[in-house]
């Protein structure tokens, strides 16, 4: 079974509508949609927003339904050079940008793991990138170029929405050798849970803003009109490729 996670309901509406043999189950205060989509047995649910909520959701998916692969689709703020609004970032690695247990451990390292970065599963990473490329021409029919980027995604319990904050975040990360292409609030936490359970994981993020002072502008409209369209097209194509 493949789990498909999203942070916002608008990103999953189209996917749920395309499912067959659907069963709706309430568990741990969350709604889980079980069924079939494009030849795959899937379970869809909202991660909710933030690292703790997302980690709890990922754990529930693994512990209750024994999911074998996990895909996260959602939005993020673009922070890397050339990463523009309407582009897609597929995470090759995941970092918690607000993790700092220094001086006991190096900044960004998850205590007692020896790791700062959690990698995506190579096969899911390849499928996600291939899916984006195959639907790119359709996505470019809108107002955005929908370019694909693959690299580091940074997560933290903060909606980054100021240029000064972005600069500080990137400078601190660069000092440790990390250069995130995008910033969001869930991916690295889910990646850590999946690593502990040895469940393959990848996250696909549509860039809604540049994580700067204009990050809040028309955000609900972007999710509704663009990110949800991207999620539907990319996830369905990816499921057909697996």
C-alpha atoms as a PDB file:
ATOM      1  CA  UNK A   1       0.000   0.000   0.000  1.00  0.00           C
ATOM      2  CA  UNK A   2       1.190   3.504  -0.855  1.00  0.00           C
ATOM      3  CA  UNK A   3       0.452   6.432   1.459  1.00  0.00           C
ATOM      4  CA  UNK A   4      -0.147   9.838  -0.103  1.00  0.00           C
ATOM      5  CA  UNK A   5       0.181  12.697   2.350  1.00  0.00           C
ATOM      6  CA  UNK A   6      -0.705  16.354   1.923  1.00  0.00           C
ATOM      7  CA  UNK A   7      -0.704  19.236   4.388  1.00  0.00           C
ATOM      8  CA  UNK A   8      -3.805  20.950   2.982  1.00  0.00           C
ATOM      9  CA  UNK A   9      -7.183  19.487   2.008  1.00  0.00           C
ATOM     10  CA  UNK A  10      -7.298  21.344  -1.320  1.00  0.00           C
ATOM     11  CA  UNK A  11      -4.285  19.344  -2.497  1.00  0.00           C
ATOM     12  CA  UNK A  12      -6.068  16.010  -2.061  1.00  0.00           C
ATOM     13  CA  UNK A  13      -9.624  16.726  -3.173  1.00  0.00           C
ATOM     14  CA  UNK A  14      -9.019  15.750  -6.796  1.00  0.00           C
ATOM     15  CA  UNK A  15      -7.112  12.602  -5.834  1.00  0.00           C
ATOM     16  CA  UNK A  16      -9.870  11.377  -3.513  1.00  0.00           C
ATOM     17  CA  UNK A  17     -12.456  11.967  -6.237  1.00  0.00           C
ATOM     18  CA  UNK A  18     -10.461   9.738  -8.625  1.00  0.00           C
ATOM     19  CA  UNK A  19     -10.180   6.811  -6.199  1.00  0.00           C
ATOM     20  CA  UNK A  20     -12.240   3.646  -6.514  1.00  0.00           C
ATOM     21  CA  UNK A  21     -13.481   1.170  -3.883  1.00  0.00           C
ATOM     22  CA  UNK A  22     -13.109   3.936  -1.304  1.00  0.00           C
ATOM     23  CA  UNK A  23     -13.405   3.398   2.441  1.00  0.00           C
ATOM     24  CA  UNK A  24     -13.235   6.315   4.879  1.00  0.00           C
ATOM     25  CA  UNK A  25     -11.735   5.544   8.296  1.00  0.00           C
ATOM     26  CA  UNK A  26     -11.302   7.821  11.309  1.00  0.00           C
ATOM     27  CA  UNK A  27      -8.185   7.178  13.383  1.00  0.00           C
ATOM     28  CA  UNK A  28      -6.069   9.265  15.765  1.00  0.00           C
ATOM     29  CA  UNK A  29      -8.258  12.290  15.095  1.00  0.00           C
ATOM     30  CA  UNK A  30      -7.596  12.051  11.356  1.00  0.00           C
ATOM     31  CA  UNK A  31      -9.549  10.955   8.308  1.00  0.00           C
ATOM     32  CA  UNK A  32      -7.945   8.274   6.127  1.00  0.00           C
ATOM     33  CA  UNK A  33      -9.231   7.460   2.637  1.00  0.00           C
ATOM     34  CA  UNK A  34      -8.416   3.892   1.590  1.00  0.00           C
ATOM     35  CA  UNK A  35      -8.956   2.576  -1.910  1.00  0.00           C
ATOM     36  CA  UNK A  36      -7.383   2.203  -5.342  1.00  0.00           C
ATOM     37  CA  UNK A  37      -5.921   4.827  -7.641  1.00  0.00           C
ATOM     38  CA  UNK A  38      -4.339   4.180 -11.038  1.00  0.00           C
ATOM     39  CA  UNK A  39      -3.750   0.511 -10.332  1.00  0.00           C
ATOM     40  CA  UNK A  40      -2.263   1.017  -6.858  1.00  0.00           C
ATOM     41  CA  UNK A  41      -3.683   0.330  -3.418  1.00  0.00           C
ATOM     42  CA  UNK A  42      -3.465   3.680  -1.623  1.00  0.00           C
ATOM     43  CA  UNK A  43      -4.346   5.502   1.552  1.00  0.00           C
ATOM     44  CA  UNK A  44      -4.728   9.272   1.459  1.00  0.00           C
ATOM     45  CA  UNK A  45      -4.712  11.567   4.457  1.00  0.00           C
ATOM     46  CA  UNK A  46      -3.735  15.022   5.618  1.00  0.00           C
ATOM     47  CA  UNK A  47      -0.488  15.242   7.524  1.00  0.00           C
ATOM     48  CA  UNK A  48      -1.723  18.405   9.209  1.00  0.00           C
ATOM     49  CA  UNK A  49       0.688  21.299   9.536  1.00  0.00           C
ATOM     50  CA  UNK A  50       3.996  21.168  11.399  1.00  0.00           C
ATOM     51  CA  UNK A  51       6.596  18.532  12.188  1.00  0.00           C
ATOM     52  CA  UNK A  52       4.925  16.891  15.194  1.00  0.00           C
ATOM     53  CA  UNK A  53       1.550  16.536  13.481  1.00  0.00           C
ATOM     54  CA  UNK A  54       3.167  15.177  10.311  1.00  0.00           C
ATOM     55  CA  UNK A  55       5.332  12.707  12.238  1.00  0.00           C
ATOM     56  CA  UNK A  56       2.296  11.420  14.149  1.00  0.00           C
ATOM     57  CA  UNK A  57       0.374  10.951  10.914  1.00  0.00           C
ATOM     58  CA  UNK A  58       3.260   9.108   9.260  1.00  0.00           C
ATOM     59  CA  UNK A  59       3.598   6.827  12.283  1.00  0.00           C
ATOM     60  CA  UNK A  60      -0.128   6.046  12.224  1.00  0.00           C
ATOM     61  CA  UNK A  61       0.050   5.148   8.533  1.00  0.00           C
ATOM     62  CA  UNK A  62       2.899   2.722   9.134  1.00  0.00           C
ATOM     63  CA  UNK A  63       1.725   1.233  12.426  1.00  0.00           C
ATOM     64  CA  UNK A  64      -1.964   0.788  11.560  1.00  0.00           C
ATOM     65  CA  UNK A  65      -1.915   0.052   7.819  1.00  0.00           C
ATOM     66  CA  UNK A  66       1.646  -1.109   7.273  1.00  0.00           C
ATOM     67  CA  UNK A  67       2.175   1.198   4.305  1.00  0.00           C
ATOM     68  CA  UNK A  68       5.173   0.170   2.226  1.00  0.00           C
ATOM     69  CA  UNK A  69       5.875   3.506   0.502  1.00  0.00           C
ATOM     70  CA  UNK A  70       5.073   7.107   1.358  1.00  0.00           C
ATOM     71  CA  UNK A  71       4.721  10.140  -0.920  1.00  0.00           C
ATOM     72  CA  UNK A  72       4.230  13.698   0.323  1.00  0.00           C
ATOM     73  CA  UNK A  73       2.745  16.329  -1.961  1.00  0.00           C
ATOM     74  CA  UNK A  74       2.364  19.966  -1.013  1.00  0.00           C
ATOM     75  CA  UNK A  75       3.634  23.516  -1.326  1.00  0.00           C
ATOM     76  CA  UNK A  76       6.861  25.148  -0.199  1.00  0.00           C
ATOM     77  CA  UNK A  77       8.748  28.409  -0.316  1.00  0.00           C
ATOM     78  CA  UNK A  78      11.517  28.503  -2.888  1.00  0.00           C
ATOM     79  CA  UNK A  79      14.954  29.369  -1.498  1.00  0.00           C
ATOM     80  CA  UNK A  80      17.418  28.029  -4.058  1.00  0.00           C
ATOM     81  CA  UNK A  81      18.807  29.995  -7.012  1.00  0.00           C
ATOM     82  CA  UNK A  82      16.471  29.838  -9.974  1.00  0.00           C
ATOM     83  CA  UNK A  83      13.648  28.193  -8.023  1.00  0.00           C
ATOM     84  CA  UNK A  84      10.612  30.239  -9.039  1.00  0.00           C
ATOM     85  CA  UNK A  85       6.952  30.335  -8.109  1.00  0.00           C
ATOM     86  CA  UNK A  86       5.175  27.558  -9.985  1.00  0.00           C
ATOM     87  CA  UNK A  87       8.253  25.331 -10.166  1.00  0.00           C
ATOM     88  CA  UNK A  88       8.416  21.863  -8.600  1.00  0.00           C
ATOM     89  CA  UNK A  89      11.074  20.714  -6.129  1.00  0.00           C
ATOM     90  CA  UNK A  90      11.496  16.984  -5.535  1.00  0.00           C
ATOM     91  CA  UNK A  91      13.438  16.381  -2.342  1.00  0.00           C
ATOM     92  CA  UNK A  92      16.586  14.292  -2.671  1.00  0.00           C
ATOM     93  CA  UNK A  93      17.381  14.915   1.018  1.00  0.00           C
ATOM     94  CA  UNK A  94      15.592  16.452   4.016  1.00  0.00           C
ATOM     95  CA  UNK A  95      16.920  18.686   6.812  1.00  0.00           C
ATOM     96  CA  UNK A  96      15.290  20.132   9.936  1.00  0.00           C
ATOM     97  CA  UNK A  97      16.436  23.751   9.779  1.00  0.00           C
ATOM     98  CA  UNK A  98      15.250  24.502  13.315  1.00  0.00           C
ATOM     99  CA  UNK A  99      17.076  21.568  14.961  1.00  0.00           C
ATOM    100  CA  UNK A 100      19.865  22.863  17.184  1.00  0.00           C
ATOM    101  CA  UNK A 101      21.035  20.730  20.116  1.00  0.00           C
ATOM    102  CA  UNK A 102      24.486  22.330  20.150  1.00  0.00           C
ATOM    103  CA  UNK A 103      26.890  22.174  21.866  1.00  0.00           C
ATOM    104  CA  UNK A 104      25.838  18.606  22.742  1.00  0.00           C
ATOM    105  CA  UNK A 105      25.475  17.751  19.053  1.00  0.00           C
ATOM    106  CA  UNK A 106      26.385  19.584  15.851  1.00  0.00           C
ATOM    107  CA  UNK A 107      23.762  22.033  14.676  1.00  0.00           C
ATOM    108  CA  UNK A 108      21.093  20.336  12.508  1.00  0.00           C
ATOM    109  CA  UNK A 109      22.078  16.829  13.640  1.00  0.00           C
ATOM    110  CA  UNK A 110      19.168  14.789  15.007  1.00  0.00           C
ATOM    111  CA  UNK A 111      20.365  13.765  18.491  1.00  0.00           C
ATOM    112  CA  UNK A 112      21.408  10.136  18.892  1.00  0.00           C
ATOM    113  CA  UNK A 113      21.121   9.395  15.164  1.00  0.00           C
ATOM    114  CA  UNK A 114      24.370  10.844  13.843  1.00  0.00           C
ATOM    115  CA  UNK A 115      22.352  12.254  10.934  1.00  0.00           C
ATOM    116  CA  UNK A 116      21.429  15.723   9.779  1.00  0.00           C
ATOM    117  CA  UNK A 117      20.141  14.682   6.371  1.00  0.00           C
ATOM    118  CA  UNK A 118      17.594  11.999   5.567  1.00  0.00           C
ATOM    119  CA  UNK A 119      17.668  10.850   1.924  1.00  0.00           C
ATOM    120  CA  UNK A 120      14.730  10.111  -0.318  1.00  0.00           C
ATOM    121  CA  UNK A 121      14.317   6.572  -1.563  1.00  0.00           C
ATOM    122  CA  UNK A 122      16.172   6.347  -4.912  1.00  0.00           C
ATOM    123  CA  UNK A 123      13.392   4.508  -6.759  1.00  0.00           C
ATOM    124  CA  UNK A 124      10.669   6.883  -5.537  1.00  0.00           C
ATOM    125  CA  UNK A 125      12.915   9.852  -6.282  1.00  0.00           C
ATOM    126  CA  UNK A 126      13.419   8.632  -9.844  1.00  0.00           C
ATOM    127  CA  UNK A 127       9.697   8.009 -10.319  1.00  0.00           C
ATOM    128  CA  UNK A 128       8.748  11.412  -8.911  1.00  0.00           C
ATOM    129  CA  UNK A 129      11.161  13.266 -11.187  1.00  0.00           C
ATOM    130  CA  UNK A 130      10.039  11.229 -14.195  1.00  0.00           C
ATOM    131  CA  UNK A 131       6.396  11.978 -13.392  1.00  0.00           C
ATOM    132  CA  UNK A 132       7.053  15.718 -13.248  1.00  0.00           C
ATOM    133  CA  UNK A 133       8.871  15.638 -16.585  1.00  0.00           C
ATOM    134  CA  UNK A 134       6.068  13.664 -18.254  1.00  0.00           C
ATOM    135  CA  UNK A 135       3.305  16.091 -17.181  1.00  0.00           C
ATOM    136  CA  UNK A 136       5.417  19.248 -17.489  1.00  0.00           C
ATOM    137  CA  UNK A 137       3.998  20.297 -20.852  1.00  0.00           C
ATOM    138  CA  UNK A 138       0.454  20.122 -19.437  1.00  0.00           C
ATOM    139  CA  UNK A 139       1.391  22.087 -16.320  1.00  0.00           C
ATOM    140  CA  UNK A 140       3.072  24.750 -18.441  1.00  0.00           C
ATOM    141  CA  UNK A 141      -0.283  25.441 -20.060  1.00  0.00           C
ATOM    142  CA  UNK A 142      -0.999  27.695 -17.084  1.00  0.00           C
ATOM    143  CA  UNK A 143       0.791  30.871 -16.033  1.00  0.00           C
ATOM    144  CA  UNK A 144       3.946  29.200 -14.648  1.00  0.00           C
ATOM    145  CA  UNK A 145       6.943  27.491 -16.245  1.00  0.00           C
ATOM    146  CA  UNK A 146       6.776  24.411 -13.938  1.00  0.00           C
ATOM    147  CA  UNK A 147      10.525  23.749 -14.033  1.00  0.00           C
ATOM    148  CA  UNK A 148      11.800  20.705 -12.127  1.00  0.00           C
ATOM    149  CA  UNK A 149      14.455  20.969  -9.413  1.00  0.00           C
ATOM    150  CA  UNK A 150      15.848  18.081  -7.362  1.00  0.00           C
ATOM    151  CA  UNK A 151      17.737  18.687  -4.132  1.00  0.00           C
ATOM    152  CA  UNK A 152      17.605  19.498  -0.446  1.00  0.00           C
ATOM    153  CA  UNK A 153      14.331  20.477   1.240  1.00  0.00           C
ATOM    154  CA  UNK A 154      14.462  22.068   4.708  1.00  0.00           C
ATOM    155  CA  UNK A 155      11.640  21.752   7.233  1.00  0.00           C
ATOM    156  CA  UNK A 156      10.857  23.663  10.412  1.00  0.00           C
ATOM    157  CA  UNK A 157       7.983  24.663  12.664  1.00  0.00           C
ATOM    158  CA  UNK A 158       7.794  28.143  11.222  1.00  0.00           C
ATOM    159  CA  UNK A 159       6.137  29.692   8.179  1.00  0.00           C
ATOM    160  CA  UNK A 160       9.099  31.510   6.684  1.00  0.00           C
ATOM    161  CA  UNK A 161       7.783  34.765   5.255  1.00  0.00           C
ATOM    162  CA  UNK A 162      10.437  37.461   5.526  1.00  0.00           C
ATOM    163  CA  UNK A 163      13.483  38.160   3.379  1.00  0.00           C
ATOM    164  CA  UNK A 164      15.676  38.697   6.432  1.00  0.00           C
ATOM    165  CA  UNK A 165      14.621  35.334   7.850  1.00  0.00           C
ATOM    166  CA  UNK A 166      15.350  33.556   4.565  1.00  0.00           C
ATOM    167  CA  UNK A 167      18.812  35.101   4.362  1.00  0.00           C
ATOM    168  CA  UNK A 168      19.611  34.118   7.957  1.00  0.00           C
ATOM    169  CA  UNK A 169      18.323  30.564   7.424  1.00  0.00           C
ATOM    170  CA  UNK A 170      20.335  30.088   4.234  1.00  0.00           C
ATOM    171  CA  UNK A 171      23.512  31.612   5.687  1.00  0.00           C
ATOM    172  CA  UNK A 172      23.367  29.360   8.754  1.00  0.00           C
ATOM    173  CA  UNK A 173      22.696  26.272   6.644  1.00  0.00           C
ATOM    174  CA  UNK A 174      25.493  27.147   4.210  1.00  0.00           C
ATOM    175  CA  UNK A 175      27.930  27.423   7.114  1.00  0.00           C
ATOM    176  CA  UNK A 176      27.273  23.719   7.733  1.00  0.00           C
ATOM    177  CA  UNK A 177      27.464  22.850   4.051  1.00  0.00           C
ATOM    178  CA  UNK A 178      23.730  22.678   3.368  1.00  0.00           C
ATOM    179  CA  UNK A 179      21.969  24.542   0.559  1.00  0.00           C
ATOM    180  CA  UNK A 180      18.188  24.009   0.597  1.00  0.00           C
ATOM    181  CA  UNK A 181      16.174  24.601  -2.557  1.00  0.00           C
ATOM    182  CA  UNK A 182      12.920  24.967  -0.646  1.00  0.00           C
ATOM    183  CA  UNK A 183      11.576  25.383   2.872  1.00  0.00           C
ATOM    184  CA  UNK A 184       8.382  23.957   4.370  1.00  0.00           C
ATOM    185  CA  UNK A 185       7.014  22.542   7.641  1.00  0.00           C
ATOM    186  CA  UNK A 186       6.651  18.746   7.433  1.00  0.00           C
ATOM    187  CA  UNK A 187       8.882  16.814   5.030  1.00  0.00           C
ATOM    188  CA  UNK A 188      11.984  16.228   7.152  1.00  0.00           C
ATOM    189  CA  UNK A 189       9.894  14.975  10.076  1.00  0.00           C
ATOM    190  CA  UNK A 190       8.134  12.434   7.870  1.00  0.00           C
ATOM    191  CA  UNK A 191      11.499  11.459   6.360  1.00  0.00           C
ATOM    192  CA  UNK A 192      12.863  10.762   9.850  1.00  0.00           C
ATOM    193  CA  UNK A 193       9.902   8.552  10.775  1.00  0.00           C
ATOM    194  CA  UNK A 194      10.187   6.662   7.487  1.00  0.00           C
ATOM    195  CA  UNK A 195      13.912   6.159   8.040  1.00  0.00           C
ATOM    196  CA  UNK A 196      13.271   4.643  11.471  1.00  0.00           C
ATOM    197  CA  UNK A 197      10.682   2.264  10.013  1.00  0.00           C
ATOM    198  CA  UNK A 198      12.656   1.676   6.795  1.00  0.00           C
ATOM    199  CA  UNK A 199       9.743   2.839   4.670  1.00  0.00           C
ATOM    200  CA  UNK A 200      10.687   4.436   1.311  1.00  0.00           C
ATOM    201  CA  UNK A 201       9.773   8.134   1.155  1.00  0.00           C
ATOM    202  CA  UNK A 202       9.835  11.092  -1.209  1.00  0.00           C
ATOM    203  CA  UNK A 203       8.308  14.583  -1.115  1.00  0.00           C
ATOM    204  CA  UNK A 204       7.171  16.638  -4.103  1.00  0.00           C
ATOM    205  CA  UNK A 205       6.715  20.344  -3.445  1.00  0.00           C
ATOM    206  CA  UNK A 206       5.143  23.002  -5.656  1.00  0.00           C
ATOM    207  CA  UNK A 207       6.721  26.408  -5.064  1.00  0.00           C
ATOM    208  CA  UNK A 208       4.035  28.837  -3.924  1.00  0.00           C
ATOM    209  CA  UNK A 209       6.332  31.760  -3.029  1.00  0.00           C
ATOM    210  CA  UNK A 210       9.922  32.740  -2.404  1.00  0.00           C
ATOM    211  CA  UNK A 211       9.519  32.548   1.412  1.00  0.00           C
ATOM    212  CA  UNK A 212       9.916  36.324   1.533  1.00  0.00           C
ATOM    213  CA  UNK A 213       7.758  39.288   2.543  1.00  0.00           C
ATOM    214  CA  UNK A 214       5.209  38.452  -0.162  1.00  0.00           C
ATOM    215  CA  UNK A 215       4.837  34.806   0.893  1.00  0.00           C
ATOM    216  CA  UNK A 216       1.307  35.244   2.205  1.00  0.00           C
ATOM    217  CA  UNK A 217       0.007  36.967  -0.938  1.00  0.00           C
ATOM    218  CA  UNK A 218      -2.784  34.982  -2.622  1.00  0.00           C
ATOM    219  CA  UNK A 219      -1.582  31.773  -0.935  1.00  0.00           C
ATOM    220  CA  UNK A 220      -5.063  30.170  -0.694  1.00  0.00           C
ATOM    221  CA  UNK A 221      -5.726  30.997  -4.345  1.00  0.00           C
ATOM    222  CA  UNK A 222      -2.412  29.474  -5.434  1.00  0.00           C
ATOM    223  CA  UNK A 223      -3.100  26.245  -3.543  1.00  0.00           C
ATOM    224  CA  UNK A 224      -6.591  26.018  -4.989  1.00  0.00           C
ATOM    225  CA  UNK A 225      -5.798  26.901  -8.608  1.00  0.00           C
ATOM    226  CA  UNK A 226      -2.232  25.675  -9.090  1.00  0.00           C
ATOM    227  CA  UNK A 227      -0.846  23.378  -6.386  1.00  0.00           C
ATOM    228  CA  UNK A 228      -3.911  21.130  -6.388  1.00  0.00           C
ATOM    229  CA  UNK A 229      -3.694  20.779 -10.183  1.00  0.00           C
ATOM    230  CA  UNK A 230       0.013  19.902  -9.973  1.00  0.00           C
ATOM    231  CA  UNK A 231      -0.583  17.359  -7.198  1.00  0.00           C
ATOM    232  CA  UNK A 232      -3.317  15.574  -9.134  1.00  0.00           C
ATOM    233  CA  UNK A 233      -1.301  15.334 -12.344  1.00  0.00           C
ATOM    234  CA  UNK A 234       2.070  14.438 -10.795  1.00  0.00           C
ATOM    235  CA  UNK A 235       0.829  11.878  -8.264  1.00  0.00           C
ATOM    236  CA  UNK A 236      -1.375  10.059 -10.787  1.00  0.00           C
ATOM    237  CA  UNK A 237       1.463   9.885 -13.294  1.00  0.00           C
ATOM    238  CA  UNK A 238       3.862   8.694 -10.592  1.00  0.00           C
ATOM    239  CA  UNK A 239       1.492   5.917  -9.512  1.00  0.00           C
ATOM    240  CA  UNK A 240       1.357   4.681 -13.105  1.00  0.00           C
ATOM    241  CA  UNK A 241       5.153   4.596 -13.243  1.00  0.00           C
ATOM    242  CA  UNK A 242       5.619   2.549 -10.058  1.00  0.00           C
END
